[in-house]
N, C-alpha and C. Protein backbone atom coordinates (compact mmCIF):
# COMPACT_ATOMS: atom_id res chain seq x y z
N SER A 1 -20.02 32.92 39.44
CA SER A 1 -19.83 31.48 39.40
C SER A 1 -20.47 30.90 38.13
N GLN A 2 -21.67 31.40 37.80
CA GLN A 2 -22.30 30.94 36.57
C GLN A 2 -21.49 31.40 35.36
N TYR A 3 -20.94 32.62 35.48
CA TYR A 3 -20.13 33.17 34.40
C TYR A 3 -18.86 32.34 34.22
N SER A 4 -18.21 31.97 35.32
CA SER A 4 -16.97 31.21 35.22
C SER A 4 -17.22 29.80 34.68
N SER A 5 -18.33 29.18 35.05
CA SER A 5 -18.61 27.84 34.51
C SER A 5 -18.94 27.93 33.02
N LEU A 6 -19.62 28.99 32.62
CA LEU A 6 -19.91 29.18 31.20
C LEU A 6 -18.61 29.43 30.42
N LEU A 7 -17.72 30.23 30.99
CA LEU A 7 -16.43 30.50 30.37
C LEU A 7 -15.61 29.22 30.23
N MET A 8 -15.60 28.38 31.26
CA MET A 8 -14.88 27.10 31.21
C MET A 8 -15.48 26.20 30.13
N GLU A 9 -16.79 26.18 30.05
CA GLU A 9 -17.48 25.37 29.04
C GLU A 9 -17.13 25.84 27.63
N LEU A 10 -17.09 27.15 27.43
CA LEU A 10 -16.71 27.71 26.13
C LEU A 10 -15.27 27.38 25.77
N LYS A 11 -14.37 27.45 26.75
CA LYS A 11 -12.97 27.12 26.50
C LYS A 11 -12.84 25.64 26.11
N ARG A 12 -13.56 24.79 26.83
CA ARG A 12 -13.51 23.35 26.53
C ARG A 12 -14.08 23.07 25.15
N THR A 13 -15.18 23.73 24.82
CA THR A 13 -15.79 23.55 23.50
C THR A 13 -14.84 24.03 22.41
N LYS A 14 -14.20 25.16 22.65
CA LYS A 14 -13.24 25.69 21.67
C LYS A 14 -12.11 24.70 21.45
N LYS A 15 -11.61 24.11 22.52
CA LYS A 15 -10.53 23.13 22.42
C LYS A 15 -11.00 21.89 21.64
N GLU A 16 -12.21 21.42 21.92
CA GLU A 16 -12.75 20.25 21.21
C GLU A 16 -12.95 20.54 19.72
N VAL A 17 -13.42 21.74 19.41
CA VAL A 17 -13.60 22.13 18.00
C VAL A 17 -12.25 22.17 17.30
N ALA A 18 -11.23 22.68 17.96
CA ALA A 18 -9.89 22.73 17.37
C ALA A 18 -9.36 21.32 17.13
N GLN A 19 -9.56 20.43 18.09
CA GLN A 19 -9.11 19.04 17.92
C GLN A 19 -9.87 18.37 16.78
N HIS A 20 -11.15 18.62 16.71
CA HIS A 20 -11.96 18.03 15.64
C HIS A 20 -11.51 18.58 14.28
N GLY A 21 -11.23 19.87 14.21
CA GLY A 21 -10.75 20.47 12.98
C GLY A 21 -9.42 19.87 12.55
N ALA A 22 -8.53 19.62 13.50
CA ALA A 22 -7.24 19.00 13.19
C ALA A 22 -7.45 17.60 12.65
N ALA A 23 -8.38 16.86 13.25
CA ALA A 23 -8.66 15.50 12.78
C ALA A 23 -9.23 15.52 11.36
N ILE A 24 -10.11 16.48 11.09
CA ILE A 24 -10.69 16.60 9.75
C ILE A 24 -9.60 16.95 8.73
N ASN A 25 -8.70 17.85 9.11
CA ASN A 25 -7.60 18.21 8.20
C ASN A 25 -6.70 17.01 7.93
N THR A 26 -6.45 16.20 8.95
CA THR A 26 -5.62 15.01 8.78
C THR A 26 -6.29 14.06 7.78
N VAL A 27 -7.58 13.84 7.93
CA VAL A 27 -8.31 12.96 7.02
C VAL A 27 -8.27 13.52 5.60
N LYS A 28 -8.46 14.82 5.48
CA LYS A 28 -8.42 15.46 4.15
C LYS A 28 -7.05 15.26 3.50
N VAL A 29 -5.98 15.46 4.26
CA VAL A 29 -4.63 15.26 3.73
C VAL A 29 -4.46 13.80 3.28
N LEU A 30 -4.93 12.86 4.09
CA LEU A 30 -4.81 11.45 3.74
C LEU A 30 -5.56 11.13 2.45
N LEU A 31 -6.73 11.71 2.28
CA LEU A 31 -7.52 11.45 1.08
C LEU A 31 -6.90 12.09 -0.16
N ASP A 32 -6.16 13.18 0.04
CA ASP A 32 -5.57 13.90 -1.09
C ASP A 32 -4.19 13.39 -1.49
N ILE A 33 -3.64 12.45 -0.74
CA ILE A 33 -2.31 11.92 -1.06
C ILE A 33 -2.36 11.21 -2.41
N ASP A 34 -1.34 11.49 -3.23
CA ASP A 34 -1.20 10.74 -4.48
C ASP A 34 -0.66 9.37 -4.14
N GLY A 35 -1.30 8.36 -4.66
CA GLY A 35 -0.84 7.00 -4.40
C GLY A 35 -1.99 6.03 -4.49
N SER A 36 -1.65 4.78 -4.34
CA SER A 36 -2.65 3.73 -4.45
C SER A 36 -3.55 3.70 -3.22
N ALA A 37 -4.64 3.01 -3.35
CA ALA A 37 -5.55 2.83 -2.21
C ALA A 37 -4.83 2.08 -1.10
N GLU A 38 -3.97 1.15 -1.48
CA GLU A 38 -3.21 0.37 -0.49
C GLU A 38 -2.28 1.28 0.31
N LEU A 39 -1.64 2.23 -0.36
CA LEU A 39 -0.75 3.18 0.32
C LEU A 39 -1.55 4.05 1.30
N LYS A 40 -2.69 4.54 0.84
CA LYS A 40 -3.54 5.37 1.71
C LYS A 40 -4.01 4.58 2.92
N LYS A 41 -4.34 3.32 2.69
CA LYS A 41 -4.79 2.45 3.79
C LYS A 41 -3.68 2.28 4.82
N THR A 42 -2.46 2.07 4.36
CA THR A 42 -1.32 1.89 5.27
C THR A 42 -1.06 3.16 6.06
N ILE A 43 -1.06 4.29 5.38
CA ILE A 43 -0.81 5.56 6.07
C ILE A 43 -1.91 5.84 7.09
N THR A 44 -3.14 5.54 6.74
CA THR A 44 -4.25 5.72 7.67
C THR A 44 -4.08 4.84 8.90
N ARG A 45 -3.66 3.59 8.69
CA ARG A 45 -3.42 2.68 9.82
C ARG A 45 -2.33 3.22 10.73
N ILE A 46 -1.29 3.80 10.14
CA ILE A 46 -0.19 4.37 10.94
C ILE A 46 -0.69 5.56 11.76
N PHE A 47 -1.50 6.43 11.14
CA PHE A 47 -2.06 7.57 11.88
C PHE A 47 -2.99 7.10 12.99
N ALA A 48 -3.74 6.05 12.73
CA ALA A 48 -4.70 5.56 13.72
C ALA A 48 -4.00 4.88 14.90
N ASP A 49 -2.82 4.33 14.66
CA ASP A 49 -2.11 3.60 15.71
C ASP A 49 -0.63 3.98 15.71
N PRO A 50 -0.31 5.22 16.11
CA PRO A 50 1.07 5.70 15.99
C PRO A 50 2.08 4.91 16.84
N GLN A 51 1.62 4.28 17.93
CA GLN A 51 2.55 3.51 18.76
C GLN A 51 3.09 2.29 18.00
N ASN A 52 2.31 1.78 17.07
CA ASN A 52 2.72 0.61 16.29
C ASN A 52 3.11 0.97 14.86
N ALA A 53 3.43 2.24 14.63
CA ALA A 53 3.74 2.69 13.27
C ALA A 53 4.91 1.93 12.66
N ALA A 54 5.96 1.69 13.45
CA ALA A 54 7.13 0.98 12.92
C ALA A 54 6.75 -0.44 12.54
N ALA A 55 5.99 -1.11 13.38
CA ALA A 55 5.58 -2.49 13.10
C ALA A 55 4.68 -2.55 11.87
N ILE A 56 3.77 -1.59 11.75
CA ILE A 56 2.88 -1.54 10.58
C ILE A 56 3.70 -1.32 9.31
N SER A 57 4.63 -0.40 9.38
CA SER A 57 5.48 -0.09 8.22
C SER A 57 6.32 -1.30 7.82
N GLU A 58 6.91 -1.97 8.80
CA GLU A 58 7.72 -3.15 8.51
C GLU A 58 6.88 -4.27 7.92
N ALA A 59 5.68 -4.46 8.45
CA ALA A 59 4.79 -5.51 7.92
C ALA A 59 4.40 -5.21 6.48
N GLU A 60 4.11 -3.95 6.17
CA GLU A 60 3.76 -3.58 4.80
C GLU A 60 4.95 -3.74 3.87
N ALA A 61 6.13 -3.38 4.35
CA ALA A 61 7.34 -3.55 3.51
C ALA A 61 7.58 -5.03 3.24
N ALA A 62 7.41 -5.87 4.25
CA ALA A 62 7.59 -7.31 4.07
C ALA A 62 6.56 -7.86 3.09
N LYS A 63 5.33 -7.36 3.18
CA LYS A 63 4.27 -7.81 2.27
C LYS A 63 4.60 -7.41 0.83
N ARG A 64 5.04 -6.18 0.65
CA ARG A 64 5.42 -5.72 -0.70
C ARG A 64 6.59 -6.52 -1.25
N GLN A 65 7.56 -6.82 -0.40
CA GLN A 65 8.71 -7.61 -0.83
C GLN A 65 8.28 -9.02 -1.24
N SER A 66 7.37 -9.59 -0.48
CA SER A 66 6.86 -10.92 -0.80
C SER A 66 6.10 -10.91 -2.12
N LEU A 67 5.26 -9.90 -2.33
CA LEU A 67 4.54 -9.78 -3.60
C LEU A 67 5.50 -9.59 -4.77
N TYR A 68 6.53 -8.79 -4.56
CA TYR A 68 7.53 -8.56 -5.59
C TYR A 68 8.23 -9.87 -5.95
N GLN A 69 8.62 -10.63 -4.94
CA GLN A 69 9.31 -11.90 -5.19
C GLN A 69 8.38 -12.88 -5.90
N SER A 70 7.12 -12.93 -5.50
CA SER A 70 6.16 -13.83 -6.16
C SER A 70 5.99 -13.46 -7.63
N GLU A 71 5.86 -12.18 -7.91
CA GLU A 71 5.70 -11.72 -9.29
C GLU A 71 6.96 -12.01 -10.10
N ARG A 72 8.10 -11.79 -9.50
CA ARG A 72 9.36 -12.06 -10.18
C ARG A 72 9.48 -13.55 -10.52
N LEU A 73 9.12 -14.41 -9.58
CA LEU A 73 9.16 -15.86 -9.82
C LEU A 73 8.17 -16.25 -10.93
N ARG A 74 6.99 -15.66 -10.89
CA ARG A 74 5.99 -15.96 -11.91
C ARG A 74 6.50 -15.57 -13.30
N LEU A 75 7.08 -14.38 -13.41
CA LEU A 75 7.62 -13.94 -14.70
C LEU A 75 8.78 -14.81 -15.16
N GLN A 76 9.60 -15.22 -14.23
CA GLN A 76 10.71 -16.11 -14.58
C GLN A 76 10.19 -17.44 -15.12
N GLN A 77 9.19 -18.00 -14.46
CA GLN A 77 8.60 -19.25 -14.94
C GLN A 77 7.96 -19.08 -16.31
N GLN A 78 7.30 -17.95 -16.51
CA GLN A 78 6.67 -17.67 -17.80
C GLN A 78 7.73 -17.58 -18.90
N GLN A 79 8.84 -16.91 -18.62
CA GLN A 79 9.92 -16.81 -19.60
C GLN A 79 10.50 -18.18 -19.91
N GLN A 80 10.66 -19.02 -18.89
CA GLN A 80 11.20 -20.36 -19.12
C GLN A 80 10.26 -21.18 -20.00
N GLU A 81 8.97 -21.04 -19.77
CA GLU A 81 7.99 -21.76 -20.59
C GLU A 81 8.04 -21.29 -22.04
N GLU A 82 8.14 -19.97 -22.22
CA GLU A 82 8.22 -19.42 -23.57
C GLU A 82 9.49 -19.89 -24.29
N LEU A 83 10.61 -19.91 -23.58
CA LEU A 83 11.86 -20.40 -24.17
C LEU A 83 11.76 -21.88 -24.53
N ARG A 84 11.14 -22.67 -23.66
CA ARG A 84 10.95 -24.09 -23.94
C ARG A 84 10.11 -24.29 -25.19
N ASP A 85 9.02 -23.51 -25.28
CA ASP A 85 8.15 -23.60 -26.46
C ASP A 85 8.90 -23.22 -27.74
N GLN A 86 9.71 -22.16 -27.67
CA GLN A 86 10.49 -21.74 -28.83
C GLN A 86 11.51 -22.81 -29.23
N ARG A 87 12.13 -23.40 -28.22
CA ARG A 87 13.11 -24.46 -28.49
C ARG A 87 12.44 -25.64 -29.18
N GLN A 88 11.25 -26.02 -28.70
CA GLN A 88 10.52 -27.14 -29.31
C GLN A 88 10.17 -26.83 -30.76
N GLU A 89 9.76 -25.59 -31.02
CA GLU A 89 9.43 -25.19 -32.39
C GLU A 89 10.67 -25.26 -33.28
N LEU A 90 11.80 -24.78 -32.76
CA LEU A 90 13.04 -24.84 -33.54
C LEU A 90 13.47 -26.28 -33.80
N GLU A 91 13.33 -27.14 -32.79
CA GLU A 91 13.69 -28.54 -32.98
C GLU A 91 12.81 -29.21 -34.03
N LYS A 92 11.52 -28.83 -34.04
CA LYS A 92 10.61 -29.36 -35.07
C LYS A 92 11.05 -28.89 -36.45
N GLU A 93 11.39 -27.61 -36.58
CA GLU A 93 11.81 -27.06 -37.87
C GLU A 93 13.11 -27.72 -38.34
N ILE A 94 14.04 -27.89 -37.41
CA ILE A 94 15.31 -28.53 -37.78
C ILE A 94 15.07 -29.97 -38.20
N GLY A 95 14.21 -30.66 -37.45
CA GLY A 95 13.87 -32.05 -37.81
C GLY A 95 13.21 -32.11 -39.16
N TYR A 96 12.35 -31.18 -39.48
CA TYR A 96 11.68 -31.13 -40.77
C TYR A 96 12.69 -30.88 -41.89
N LEU A 97 13.61 -29.92 -41.66
CA LEU A 97 14.62 -29.58 -42.66
C LEU A 97 15.57 -30.77 -42.91
N LEU A 98 15.87 -31.53 -41.87
CA LEU A 98 16.78 -32.67 -42.02
C LEU A 98 16.12 -33.85 -42.76
N THR A 99 14.80 -33.93 -42.71
CA THR A 99 14.10 -35.04 -43.40
C THR A 99 13.84 -34.73 -44.86
N GLU A 100 14.06 -33.52 -45.30
CA GLU A 100 13.81 -33.17 -46.69
C GLU A 100 14.89 -33.67 -47.59
């Protein structure tokens, strides 16, 4: 009876060590992934909460799309400002040339 309880304890410990080793390997793989810290954070969140993986992924995709649109709008506004400035400079030059 003492032998069987010791054997059961060893089997349980072996199983726990295997689970812990798998968790360590998962963390190592996550840390070794090529990509941004934001990507690693998202993947880690998905591993930590697999039931909500689709929702996490969709939320991250929506966030990236929003950031992309914001950056695109900012660049478009910057280009418009640069074109306006160039136009003003050209109008000044033309005005100067016409007064000569």
